[in-house]
């Protein structure tokens, strides 16, 4: 697994899509301390039982930093990086988002509870802490209303592809959406 990851995942994914090419394109140099050739050479010489401990990821790294970082950080479970999804929709020029999430629009669509959505939007706008669940809910609501807007209301892709009409696509009359 380690060989496959270093051979295929590292150059093809991590270094490419996770920042290295983007950094180079903008004349910025990213620092990856664990990719230093001396660290890699050292790690390659270590016995496998030090590198791979069942149910204890990063065992050796955690041992190496003991006493250098707070114990609560050193021993905490691994946490995924989560981009701040929801808050990014509420900035200057968010009129389109406001329109998609308006109580009138949501009531018209009949998919989401306008009051619950309004409470969620207020939570994001207030600057209070939001959870992963809040972010997922907001992203799901926005994605769904955006799809309704683009495909059901005829404000997008279907109009752009006038020459393509699949038999399964049946245009919805405006009166059906009212």
N, C-alpha and C. Protein backbone atom coordinates (compact mmCIF):
# COMPACT_ATOMS: atom_id res chain seq x y z
N UNK A 1 0.83 -1.20 0.00
CA UNK A 1 0.00 0.00 0.00
C UNK A 1 0.87 1.26 0.00
N UNK A 2 1.91 1.24 0.83
CA UNK A 2 2.79 2.41 0.91
C UNK A 2 3.47 2.67 -0.44
N UNK A 3 3.92 1.60 -1.08
CA UNK A 3 4.58 1.75 -2.38
C UNK A 3 3.61 2.32 -3.41
N UNK A 4 2.40 1.74 -3.47
CA UNK A 4 1.41 2.21 -4.44
C UNK A 4 1.06 3.68 -4.20
N UNK A 5 0.92 4.04 -2.93
CA UNK A 5 0.58 5.42 -2.61
C UNK A 5 1.70 6.38 -3.04
N UNK A 6 2.94 6.02 -2.73
CA UNK A 6 4.05 6.92 -3.09
C UNK A 6 4.30 6.93 -4.59
N UNK A 7 4.01 5.83 -5.26
CA UNK A 7 4.28 5.73 -6.70
C UNK A 7 3.19 6.39 -7.54
N UNK A 8 1.93 6.21 -7.14
CA UNK A 8 0.83 6.67 -7.99
C UNK A 8 0.03 7.83 -7.39
N UNK A 9 -0.31 7.76 -6.12
CA UNK A 9 -1.14 8.80 -5.53
C UNK A 9 -0.37 10.10 -5.34
N UNK A 10 0.84 10.01 -4.87
CA UNK A 10 1.62 11.21 -4.58
C UNK A 10 1.86 12.07 -5.82
N UNK A 11 2.48 11.55 -6.89
CA UNK A 11 2.74 12.43 -8.03
C UNK A 11 1.49 12.78 -8.83
N UNK A 12 0.58 11.84 -8.96
CA UNK A 12 -0.58 12.06 -9.82
C UNK A 12 -1.70 12.83 -9.18
N UNK A 13 -1.78 12.81 -7.87
CA UNK A 13 -2.91 13.45 -7.21
C UNK A 13 -2.45 14.52 -6.21
N UNK A 14 -1.72 14.12 -5.22
CA UNK A 14 -1.33 15.05 -4.17
C UNK A 14 -0.53 16.23 -4.73
N UNK A 15 0.51 15.95 -5.49
CA UNK A 15 1.35 17.03 -6.00
C UNK A 15 0.67 17.82 -7.11
N UNK A 16 -0.22 17.17 -7.85
CA UNK A 16 -0.87 17.85 -8.96
C UNK A 16 -2.07 18.66 -8.51
N UNK A 17 -3.11 17.97 -8.06
CA UNK A 17 -4.36 18.66 -7.79
C UNK A 17 -4.42 19.28 -6.40
N UNK A 18 -3.56 18.90 -5.51
CA UNK A 18 -3.64 19.42 -4.15
C UNK A 18 -2.71 20.60 -3.90
N UNK A 19 -2.24 21.23 -4.93
CA UNK A 19 -1.56 22.48 -4.71
C UNK A 19 -0.24 22.73 -5.39
N UNK A 20 0.56 21.72 -5.66
CA UNK A 20 1.90 21.98 -6.16
C UNK A 20 1.88 22.68 -7.52
N UNK A 21 1.11 22.19 -8.45
CA UNK A 21 1.07 22.83 -9.78
C UNK A 21 0.44 24.21 -9.71
N UNK A 22 -0.58 24.35 -8.89
CA UNK A 22 -1.22 25.66 -8.73
C UNK A 22 -0.23 26.65 -8.14
N UNK A 23 0.52 26.22 -7.14
CA UNK A 23 1.51 27.11 -6.53
C UNK A 23 2.57 27.52 -7.55
N UNK A 24 3.08 26.56 -8.30
CA UNK A 24 4.11 26.88 -9.30
C UNK A 24 3.58 27.82 -10.37
N UNK A 25 2.34 27.66 -10.75
CA UNK A 25 1.75 28.51 -11.79
C UNK A 25 1.70 29.97 -11.36
N UNK A 26 1.71 30.21 -10.05
CA UNK A 26 1.64 31.57 -9.53
C UNK A 26 2.93 32.00 -8.83
N UNK A 27 4.02 31.31 -9.16
CA UNK A 27 5.35 31.64 -8.64
C UNK A 27 5.40 31.62 -7.12
N UNK A 28 4.66 30.69 -6.53
CA UNK A 28 4.67 30.51 -5.09
C UNK A 28 5.25 29.13 -4.82
N UNK A 29 6.12 29.07 -3.83
CA UNK A 29 6.69 27.77 -3.51
C UNK A 29 6.04 27.22 -2.25
N UNK A 30 5.42 26.06 -2.36
CA UNK A 30 4.84 25.40 -1.20
C UNK A 30 5.92 24.63 -0.46
N UNK A 31 5.78 24.55 0.84
CA UNK A 31 6.76 23.80 1.63
C UNK A 31 6.09 22.53 2.15
N UNK A 32 6.68 21.42 1.83
CA UNK A 32 6.16 20.12 2.25
C UNK A 32 7.27 19.44 3.05
N UNK A 33 7.31 19.63 4.37
CA UNK A 33 8.44 19.13 5.16
C UNK A 33 8.65 17.62 5.07
N UNK A 34 7.60 16.86 4.89
CA UNK A 34 7.76 15.41 4.85
C UNK A 34 8.15 14.91 3.47
N UNK A 35 8.32 15.81 2.52
CA UNK A 35 8.79 15.42 1.19
C UNK A 35 10.27 15.75 1.01
N UNK A 36 10.90 16.26 2.04
CA UNK A 36 12.33 16.51 1.98
C UNK A 36 13.02 15.18 1.71
N UNK A 37 13.94 15.15 0.77
CA UNK A 37 14.56 13.89 0.35
C UNK A 37 15.24 13.17 1.50
N UNK A 38 15.73 13.92 2.48
CA UNK A 38 16.38 13.26 3.63
C UNK A 38 15.35 12.57 4.53
N UNK A 39 14.19 13.21 4.68
CA UNK A 39 13.12 12.60 5.48
C UNK A 39 12.60 11.35 4.78
N UNK A 40 12.42 11.44 3.47
CA UNK A 40 11.95 10.29 2.69
C UNK A 40 12.96 9.15 2.76
N UNK A 41 14.25 9.45 2.62
CA UNK A 41 15.29 8.42 2.70
C UNK A 41 15.31 7.77 4.08
N UNK A 42 15.17 8.58 5.12
CA UNK A 42 15.13 8.05 6.48
C UNK A 42 13.92 7.12 6.66
N UNK A 43 12.75 7.58 6.23
CA UNK A 43 11.52 6.79 6.37
C UNK A 43 11.60 5.49 5.59
N UNK A 44 12.25 5.51 4.44
CA UNK A 44 12.37 4.29 3.62
C UNK A 44 13.22 3.23 4.32
N UNK A 45 14.15 3.66 5.17
CA UNK A 45 15.03 2.70 5.87
C UNK A 45 14.40 2.13 7.14
N UNK A 46 13.30 2.71 7.60
CA UNK A 46 12.68 2.26 8.85
C UNK A 46 12.02 0.89 8.68
N UNK A 47 12.02 0.08 9.72
CA UNK A 47 11.32 -1.21 9.65
C UNK A 47 9.81 -0.98 9.52
N UNK A 48 9.16 -1.86 8.81
CA UNK A 48 7.73 -1.73 8.54
C UNK A 48 6.90 -1.65 9.81
N UNK A 49 7.29 -2.38 10.86
CA UNK A 49 6.49 -2.37 12.08
C UNK A 49 6.48 -1.01 12.77
N UNK A 50 7.43 -0.14 12.49
CA UNK A 50 7.40 1.22 13.03
C UNK A 50 6.53 2.14 12.18
N UNK A 51 6.44 1.84 10.91
CA UNK A 51 5.68 2.71 9.99
C UNK A 51 4.19 2.40 10.01
N UNK A 52 3.84 1.16 10.17
CA UNK A 52 2.44 0.75 10.07
C UNK A 52 2.01 0.05 11.35
N UNK A 53 1.24 0.73 12.17
CA UNK A 53 0.68 0.13 13.39
C UNK A 53 -0.83 0.01 13.17
N UNK A 54 -1.37 -1.16 13.41
CA UNK A 54 -2.80 -1.38 13.22
C UNK A 54 -3.58 -0.43 14.13
N UNK A 55 -4.53 0.27 13.55
CA UNK A 55 -5.42 1.20 14.25
C UNK A 55 -4.68 2.36 14.93
N UNK A 56 -3.48 2.65 14.54
CA UNK A 56 -2.73 3.77 15.11
C UNK A 56 -1.98 4.50 13.99
N UNK A 57 -2.72 5.29 13.22
CA UNK A 57 -2.12 6.00 12.10
C UNK A 57 -1.10 7.02 12.60
N UNK A 58 -0.07 7.21 11.83
CA UNK A 58 0.99 8.18 12.12
C UNK A 58 1.67 7.91 13.46
N UNK A 59 1.82 6.66 13.78
CA UNK A 59 2.41 6.23 15.05
C UNK A 59 3.77 6.87 15.29
N UNK A 60 4.66 6.74 14.34
CA UNK A 60 6.03 7.24 14.51
C UNK A 60 6.07 8.77 14.59
N UNK A 61 5.28 9.43 13.78
CA UNK A 61 5.22 10.89 13.82
C UNK A 61 4.73 11.36 15.19
N UNK A 62 3.71 10.71 15.71
CA UNK A 62 3.19 11.08 17.03
C UNK A 62 4.25 10.88 18.12
N UNK A 63 5.03 9.83 18.00
CA UNK A 63 6.12 9.60 18.98
C UNK A 63 7.19 10.67 18.83
N UNK A 64 7.49 11.04 17.60
CA UNK A 64 8.56 12.01 17.35
C UNK A 64 8.25 13.40 17.90
N UNK A 65 6.98 13.77 17.94
CA UNK A 65 6.62 15.12 18.39
C UNK A 65 6.19 15.18 19.85
N UNK A 66 6.31 14.05 20.54
CA UNK A 66 5.95 14.03 21.97
C UNK A 66 6.80 15.06 22.72
N UNK A 67 6.12 15.91 23.47
CA UNK A 67 6.81 16.97 24.21
C UNK A 67 7.01 18.24 23.41
N UNK A 68 6.80 18.19 22.10
CA UNK A 68 6.97 19.38 21.25
C UNK A 68 5.66 20.10 20.98
N UNK A 69 4.57 19.35 21.01
CA UNK A 69 3.25 19.95 20.78
C UNK A 69 2.34 19.52 21.93
N UNK A 70 1.25 20.25 22.18
CA UNK A 70 0.35 19.87 23.27
C UNK A 70 -0.16 18.43 23.10
N UNK A 71 -0.26 17.74 24.21
CA UNK A 71 -0.68 16.34 24.21
C UNK A 71 -2.09 16.18 23.62
N UNK A 72 -2.96 17.17 23.86
CA UNK A 72 -4.33 17.09 23.33
C UNK A 72 -4.34 17.07 21.80
N UNK A 73 -3.39 17.75 21.19
CA UNK A 73 -3.29 17.75 19.72
C UNK A 73 -2.61 16.48 19.24
N UNK A 74 -1.56 16.08 19.92
CA UNK A 74 -0.80 14.90 19.51
C UNK A 74 -1.64 13.63 19.54
N UNK A 75 -2.56 13.53 20.48
CA UNK A 75 -3.32 12.29 20.65
C UNK A 75 -4.75 12.35 20.11
N UNK A 76 -5.15 13.49 19.57
CA UNK A 76 -6.53 13.56 19.09
C UNK A 76 -6.71 12.72 17.82
N UNK A 77 -7.95 12.29 17.55
CA UNK A 77 -8.20 11.51 16.33
C UNK A 77 -7.98 12.35 15.08
N UNK A 78 -7.69 11.69 14.01
CA UNK A 78 -7.47 12.35 12.72
C UNK A 78 -8.75 13.09 12.32
N UNK A 79 -8.59 14.29 11.79
CA UNK A 79 -9.73 15.11 11.39
C UNK A 79 -9.59 15.50 9.93
N UNK A 80 -10.66 15.35 9.17
CA UNK A 80 -10.57 15.75 7.77
C UNK A 80 -10.59 17.28 7.65
N UNK A 81 -10.00 17.79 6.59
CA UNK A 81 -10.08 19.22 6.31
C UNK A 81 -11.45 19.49 5.72
N UNK A 82 -12.14 20.47 6.26
CA UNK A 82 -13.44 20.84 5.72
C UNK A 82 -13.40 22.32 5.34
N UNK A 83 -13.62 22.57 4.08
CA UNK A 83 -13.68 23.95 3.62
C UNK A 83 -14.94 24.60 4.19
N UNK A 84 -14.91 25.89 4.45
CA UNK A 84 -16.10 26.57 4.98
C UNK A 84 -17.14 26.76 3.88
N UNK A 85 -17.90 25.71 3.60
CA UNK A 85 -18.85 25.72 2.49
C UNK A 85 -19.87 26.85 2.57
N UNK A 86 -20.71 26.80 3.58
CA UNK A 86 -21.86 27.68 3.65
C UNK A 86 -21.56 29.16 3.70
N UNK A 87 -20.61 29.55 4.52
CA UNK A 87 -20.34 30.97 4.71
C UNK A 87 -19.89 31.64 3.41
N UNK A 88 -19.29 30.88 2.52
CA UNK A 88 -18.80 31.46 1.27
C UNK A 88 -19.92 31.93 0.35
N UNK A 89 -21.16 31.51 0.62
CA UNK A 89 -22.29 31.94 -0.20
C UNK A 89 -22.84 33.29 0.23
N UNK A 90 -22.40 33.78 1.40
CA UNK A 90 -22.93 35.02 1.93
C UNK A 90 -21.85 36.09 1.94
N UNK A 91 -21.72 36.75 0.82
CA UNK A 91 -20.71 37.80 0.68
C UNK A 91 -21.31 38.90 -0.19
N UNK A 92 -20.51 39.90 -0.47
CA UNK A 92 -20.97 40.99 -1.32
C UNK A 92 -21.40 40.42 -2.68
N UNK A 93 -22.55 40.84 -3.15
CA UNK A 93 -23.03 40.37 -4.44
C UNK A 93 -23.72 39.01 -4.37
N UNK A 94 -24.32 38.70 -3.22
CA UNK A 94 -24.98 37.40 -3.08
C UNK A 94 -26.46 37.45 -3.44
N UNK A 95 -26.85 38.38 -4.30
CA UNK A 95 -28.25 38.53 -4.69
C UNK A 95 -28.86 37.27 -5.28
N UNK A 96 -28.09 36.56 -6.08
CA UNK A 96 -28.59 35.33 -6.70
C UNK A 96 -28.88 34.28 -5.63
N UNK A 97 -28.00 34.18 -4.64
CA UNK A 97 -28.21 33.23 -3.54
C UNK A 97 -29.44 33.64 -2.74
N UNK A 98 -29.57 34.94 -2.47
CA UNK A 98 -30.75 35.43 -1.75
C UNK A 98 -32.02 35.08 -2.51
N UNK A 99 -31.98 35.23 -3.82
CA UNK A 99 -33.14 34.91 -4.65
C UNK A 99 -33.48 33.42 -4.56
N UNK A 100 -32.45 32.57 -4.66
CA UNK A 100 -32.68 31.12 -4.59
C UNK A 100 -33.23 30.68 -3.24
N UNK A 101 -32.83 31.37 -2.17
CA UNK A 101 -33.24 30.98 -0.82
C UNK A 101 -34.39 31.80 -0.26
N UNK A 102 -35.00 32.64 -1.09
CA UNK A 102 -36.09 33.47 -0.59
C UNK A 102 -37.29 32.59 -0.19
N UNK A 103 -37.98 32.97 0.89
CA UNK A 103 -39.15 32.19 1.32
C UNK A 103 -40.19 32.02 0.22
N UNK A 104 -40.37 33.06 -0.59
CA UNK A 104 -41.33 32.98 -1.70
C UNK A 104 -40.92 31.90 -2.68
N UNK A 105 -39.65 31.90 -3.07
CA UNK A 105 -39.14 30.90 -4.01
C UNK A 105 -39.25 29.50 -3.43
N UNK A 106 -38.84 29.34 -2.17
CA UNK A 106 -38.87 28.01 -1.54
C UNK A 106 -40.30 27.49 -1.41
N UNK A 107 -41.23 28.39 -1.09
CA UNK A 107 -42.64 27.98 -0.98
C UNK A 107 -43.17 27.58 -2.35
N UNK A 108 -42.80 28.33 -3.37
CA UNK A 108 -43.21 28.04 -4.74
C UNK A 108 -42.69 26.67 -5.18
N UNK A 109 -41.44 26.37 -4.86
CA UNK A 109 -40.85 25.08 -5.24
C UNK A 109 -41.49 23.93 -4.48
N UNK A 110 -41.83 24.16 -3.22
CA UNK A 110 -42.47 23.12 -2.42
C UNK A 110 -41.56 21.97 -2.03
N UNK A 111 -40.25 22.18 -2.04
CA UNK A 111 -39.32 21.10 -1.70
C UNK A 111 -38.80 21.27 -0.27
N UNK A 112 -38.47 22.49 0.12
CA UNK A 112 -37.88 22.75 1.44
C UNK A 112 -38.78 23.66 2.26
N UNK A 113 -38.72 23.51 3.56
CA UNK A 113 -39.48 24.33 4.49
C UNK A 113 -38.87 25.73 4.51
N UNK A 114 -39.63 26.74 4.05
CA UNK A 114 -39.08 28.10 4.00
C UNK A 114 -38.64 28.64 5.37
N UNK A 115 -39.41 28.33 6.43
CA UNK A 115 -39.06 28.85 7.76
C UNK A 115 -37.77 28.22 8.28
N UNK A 116 -37.63 26.91 8.11
CA UNK A 116 -36.41 26.23 8.57
C UNK A 116 -35.20 26.72 7.78
N UNK A 117 -35.39 26.93 6.48
CA UNK A 117 -34.29 27.43 5.65
C UNK A 117 -33.92 28.84 6.06
N UNK A 118 -34.91 29.67 6.34
CA UNK A 118 -34.64 31.04 6.77
C UNK A 118 -33.85 31.06 8.08
N UNK A 119 -34.19 30.16 9.01
CA UNK A 119 -33.44 30.07 10.27
C UNK A 119 -31.99 29.67 10.01
N UNK A 120 -31.79 28.74 9.08
CA UNK A 120 -30.44 28.30 8.73
C UNK A 120 -29.64 29.45 8.11
N UNK A 121 -30.26 30.18 7.20
CA UNK A 121 -29.60 31.32 6.56
C UNK A 121 -29.23 32.38 7.60
N UNK A 122 -30.14 32.66 8.54
CA UNK A 122 -29.86 33.64 9.60
C UNK A 122 -28.68 33.19 10.45
N UNK A 123 -28.58 31.89 10.69
CA UNK A 123 -27.45 31.37 11.47
C UNK A 123 -26.13 31.67 10.76
N UNK A 124 -26.09 31.45 9.45
CA UNK A 124 -24.87 31.73 8.69
C UNK A 124 -24.57 33.23 8.67
N UNK A 125 -25.59 34.04 8.44
CA UNK A 125 -25.39 35.49 8.35
C UNK A 125 -24.97 36.10 9.68
N UNK A 126 -25.38 35.49 10.79
CA UNK A 126 -25.08 36.04 12.12
C UNK A 126 -23.62 35.87 12.51
N UNK A 127 -22.94 34.95 11.84
CA UNK A 127 -21.55 34.69 12.18
C UNK A 127 -21.39 33.66 13.29
N UNK A 128 -22.53 33.11 13.77
CA UNK A 128 -22.43 32.06 14.79
C UNK A 128 -21.76 30.83 14.20
N UNK A 129 -21.25 30.00 15.07
CA UNK A 129 -20.59 28.78 14.62
C UNK A 129 -21.60 27.85 13.94
N UNK A 130 -21.21 27.31 12.80
CA UNK A 130 -22.07 26.37 12.08
C UNK A 130 -21.41 25.00 12.08
N UNK A 131 -22.25 23.99 11.99
CA UNK A 131 -21.75 22.61 12.04
C UNK A 131 -21.60 22.04 10.63
N UNK A 132 -21.02 20.87 10.57
CA UNK A 132 -20.91 20.15 9.29
C UNK A 132 -22.31 19.89 8.76
N UNK A 133 -23.22 19.56 9.65
CA UNK A 133 -24.61 19.29 9.26
C UNK A 133 -25.25 20.54 8.66
N UNK A 134 -25.00 21.71 9.27
CA UNK A 134 -25.52 22.97 8.74
C UNK A 134 -24.98 23.22 7.33
N UNK A 135 -23.67 23.03 7.15
CA UNK A 135 -23.04 23.23 5.84
C UNK A 135 -23.62 22.29 4.80
N UNK A 136 -23.80 21.04 5.18
CA UNK A 136 -24.36 20.06 4.23
C UNK A 136 -25.80 20.43 3.87
N UNK A 137 -26.58 20.86 4.87
CA UNK A 137 -27.97 21.23 4.61
C UNK A 137 -28.04 22.43 3.66
N UNK A 138 -27.26 23.46 3.95
CA UNK A 138 -27.28 24.66 3.10
C UNK A 138 -26.83 24.34 1.68
N UNK A 139 -25.75 23.58 1.56
CA UNK A 139 -25.24 23.21 0.24
C UNK A 139 -26.27 22.38 -0.52
N UNK A 140 -26.94 21.47 0.17
CA UNK A 140 -27.98 20.65 -0.47
C UNK A 140 -29.17 21.48 -0.93
N UNK A 141 -29.60 22.41 -0.08
CA UNK A 141 -30.74 23.27 -0.43
C UNK A 141 -30.37 24.15 -1.63
N UNK A 142 -29.20 24.76 -1.57
CA UNK A 142 -28.77 25.61 -2.69
C UNK A 142 -28.61 24.82 -3.98
N UNK A 143 -28.02 23.65 -3.89
CA UNK A 143 -27.83 22.82 -5.10
C UNK A 143 -29.16 22.44 -5.71
N UNK A 144 -30.11 22.06 -4.87
CA UNK A 144 -31.43 21.65 -5.37
C UNK A 144 -32.16 22.83 -6.00
N UNK A 145 -32.16 23.98 -5.32
CA UNK A 145 -32.86 25.14 -5.88
C UNK A 145 -32.18 25.63 -7.15
N UNK A 146 -30.86 25.51 -7.20
CA UNK A 146 -30.13 25.88 -8.42
C UNK A 146 -30.52 24.96 -9.57
N UNK A 147 -30.61 23.66 -9.31
CA UNK A 147 -31.04 22.71 -10.35
C UNK A 147 -32.46 23.02 -10.81
N UNK A 148 -33.34 23.31 -9.87
CA UNK A 148 -34.71 23.69 -10.24
C UNK A 148 -34.70 24.94 -11.11
N UNK A 149 -33.89 25.91 -10.72
CA UNK A 149 -33.81 27.16 -11.46
C UNK A 149 -33.30 26.94 -12.88
N UNK A 150 -32.25 26.14 -13.01
CA UNK A 150 -31.62 25.95 -14.32
C UNK A 150 -32.42 25.03 -15.23
N UNK A 151 -32.99 23.98 -14.68
CA UNK A 151 -33.61 22.97 -15.53
C UNK A 151 -35.13 23.02 -15.54
N UNK A 152 -35.76 23.31 -14.43
CA UNK A 152 -37.22 23.30 -14.39
C UNK A 152 -37.81 24.64 -14.80
N UNK A 153 -37.13 25.71 -14.50
CA UNK A 153 -37.64 27.03 -14.85
C UNK A 153 -37.12 27.51 -16.20
N UNK A 154 -36.27 26.70 -16.82
CA UNK A 154 -35.76 27.05 -18.14
C UNK A 154 -34.79 28.21 -18.16
N UNK A 155 -34.04 28.40 -17.07
CA UNK A 155 -33.06 29.49 -17.01
C UNK A 155 -31.65 28.98 -17.22
N UNK A 156 -31.43 28.11 -18.14
CA UNK A 156 -30.06 27.65 -18.25
C UNK A 156 -29.83 26.57 -19.27
N UNK A 157 -29.30 25.47 -18.80
CA UNK A 157 -28.75 24.42 -19.66
C UNK A 157 -29.72 23.93 -20.73
N UNK A 158 -30.99 23.74 -20.39
CA UNK A 158 -31.91 23.23 -21.41
C UNK A 158 -32.11 24.23 -22.53
N UNK A 159 -32.16 25.51 -22.20
CA UNK A 159 -32.29 26.52 -23.24
C UNK A 159 -31.03 26.62 -24.08
N UNK A 160 -29.88 26.44 -23.43
CA UNK A 160 -28.61 26.51 -24.15
C UNK A 160 -28.44 25.35 -25.12
N UNK A 161 -29.12 24.26 -24.85
CA UNK A 161 -29.00 23.07 -25.69
C UNK A 161 -30.27 22.84 -26.50
N UNK A 162 -30.75 23.90 -27.12
CA UNK A 162 -32.01 23.81 -27.86
C UNK A 162 -31.98 22.75 -28.95
N UNK A 163 -30.82 22.50 -29.51
CA UNK A 163 -30.74 21.51 -30.59
C UNK A 163 -30.82 20.08 -30.06
N UNK A 164 -30.57 19.87 -28.78
CA UNK A 164 -30.60 18.53 -28.20
C UNK A 164 -31.88 18.35 -27.40
N UNK A 165 -32.67 17.41 -27.81
CA UNK A 165 -33.89 17.10 -27.07
C UNK A 165 -33.97 15.60 -26.88
N UNK A 166 -33.66 15.15 -25.69
CA UNK A 166 -33.79 13.73 -25.37
C UNK A 166 -35.27 13.44 -25.14
N UNK A 167 -35.76 12.27 -25.55
CA UNK A 167 -37.18 11.96 -25.36
C UNK A 167 -37.62 11.99 -23.90
N UNK A 168 -36.71 11.78 -22.97
CA UNK A 168 -37.08 11.77 -21.55
C UNK A 168 -37.25 13.18 -20.98
N UNK A 169 -36.77 14.20 -21.70
CA UNK A 169 -36.89 15.57 -21.21
C UNK A 169 -38.19 16.16 -21.72
N UNK A 170 -39.07 16.42 -20.79
CA UNK A 170 -40.36 17.00 -21.13
C UNK A 170 -40.39 18.40 -20.54
N UNK A 171 -40.52 19.41 -21.38
CA UNK A 171 -40.55 20.78 -20.85
C UNK A 171 -41.75 20.98 -19.91
N UNK A 172 -41.53 21.68 -18.82
CA UNK A 172 -42.61 21.97 -17.88
C UNK A 172 -43.14 23.35 -18.21
N UNK A 173 -44.44 23.42 -18.34
CA UNK A 173 -45.05 24.72 -18.63
C UNK A 173 -44.96 25.62 -17.41
N UNK A 174 -44.84 26.92 -17.65
CA UNK A 174 -44.70 27.87 -16.54
C UNK A 174 -45.87 27.78 -15.57
N UNK A 175 -47.06 27.51 -16.06
CA UNK A 175 -48.22 27.42 -15.18
C UNK A 175 -48.09 26.27 -14.19
N UNK A 176 -47.35 25.22 -14.56
CA UNK A 176 -47.15 24.08 -13.66
C UNK A 176 -46.24 24.44 -12.50
N UNK A 177 -45.36 25.43 -12.69
CA UNK A 177 -44.44 25.84 -11.63
C UNK A 177 -45.06 26.87 -10.70
N UNK A 178 -46.17 27.47 -11.06
CA UNK A 178 -46.79 28.52 -10.24
C UNK A 178 -47.61 27.95 -9.12
